[in-house]
Structures are given as C-alpha cells and as structure tokens.
Amino acid sequence: MKREEIQRLIDEGYHILRRGVPEVVEGDLWEYLDSLDDDSGVLVLSELMTWSDEELARIKKA
C-alpha cells in the first residue's frame, strides 16, 4: 500500500483498515479499538502514515 493511497482514504473519511477493508468508525476511535479482540486485523490509518515505505508495501488491501 502506498502512502498516497492511505492519505486518500483518510481524506475520504476512513479511520481504519479491517482485514484490508477501509472502514469509518462512529464515535471515539480509541474506545472502539479497545473493544476489539487483539486478533481483529485492524490497522489505524493515521498510524500507518508513520510507517516506513517498506512496512507499507506489506499491507494488502482487499
């Protein structure tokens, strides 16, 4: 996944990738994340912007 694609998703209002699918989170993002199982396959888009290009390249989008 490329940084530009992540920024586009953020600009479109998405907050997370869940198993490669972008989703909008209603309410508090961190409360929502705390309510999930540890193995939920969720990545926070804003945090992905801090990842290296090599790390981003390993992300598969559905």
Protein backbone atom coordinates (compact mmCIF):
# COMPACT_ATOMS: atom_id res chain seq x y z
CA MET A 1 0.00 0.00 0.00
CA LYS A 2 1.32 3.45 -0.81
CA ARG A 3 1.33 6.49 1.46
CA GLU A 4 -0.73 8.45 -1.10
CA GLU A 5 -3.44 5.80 -1.02
CA ILE A 6 -3.57 5.93 2.78
CA GLN A 7 -3.85 9.73 2.70
CA ARG A 8 -6.67 9.47 0.14
CA LEU A 9 -8.57 7.09 2.44
CA ILE A 10 -8.10 9.48 5.38
CA ASP A 11 -9.29 12.39 3.21
CA GLU A 12 -12.38 10.35 2.28
CA GLY A 13 -13.23 9.96 5.98
CA TYR A 14 -11.99 6.44 6.70
CA HIS A 15 -10.28 5.70 10.02
CA ILE A 16 -9.13 2.08 9.94
CA LEU A 17 -8.37 -0.88 7.73
CA ARG A 18 -10.02 -4.04 9.00
CA ARG A 19 -8.61 -7.09 7.25
CA GLY A 20 -7.70 -4.81 4.34
CA VAL A 21 -11.10 -3.11 4.04
CA PRO A 22 -11.33 0.63 4.87
CA GLU A 23 -13.96 1.49 7.49
CA VAL A 24 -15.35 4.60 9.17
CA VAL A 25 -15.54 4.44 12.97
CA GLU A 26 -18.51 6.15 14.58
CA GLY A 27 -17.75 7.69 17.97
CA ASP A 28 -14.38 7.54 19.72
CA LEU A 29 -11.78 5.66 17.69
CA TRP A 30 -9.71 4.51 20.68
CA GLU A 31 -12.73 3.25 22.61
CA TYR A 32 -13.75 1.30 19.53
CA LEU A 33 -10.27 -0.20 19.22
CA ASP A 34 -10.24 -1.12 22.92
CA SER A 35 -13.47 -3.07 22.41
CA LEU A 36 -11.97 -5.29 19.69
CA ASP A 37 -10.19 -8.60 20.05
CA ASP A 38 -6.41 -8.38 19.80
CA ASP A 39 -6.52 -10.53 16.67
CA SER A 40 -9.01 -8.37 14.78
CA GLY A 41 -6.69 -7.42 11.92
CA VAL A 42 -7.28 -3.68 12.38
CA LEU A 43 -4.79 -1.01 11.33
CA VAL A 44 -5.31 2.68 12.15
CA LEU A 45 -4.80 4.77 9.02
CA SER A 46 -3.29 7.77 10.82
CA GLU A 47 -0.70 5.49 12.42
CA LEU A 48 0.15 3.92 9.07
CA MET A 49 1.36 7.34 7.91
CA THR A 50 4.30 6.96 10.32
CA TRP A 51 5.35 3.58 8.92
CA SER A 52 8.24 3.16 6.51
CA ASP A 53 7.58 2.58 2.81
CA GLU A 54 8.85 -0.99 3.22
CA GLU A 55 6.35 -1.68 6.02
CA LEU A 56 3.52 -0.13 4.00
CA ALA A 57 4.37 -2.29 0.99
CA ARG A 58 3.49 -5.39 3.05
CA ILE A 59 -0.09 -4.25 3.68
CA LYS A 60 -2.66 -5.97 1.48
CA LYS A 61 -5.86 -4.11 0.69
CA ALA A 62 -8.97 -6.14 -0.07
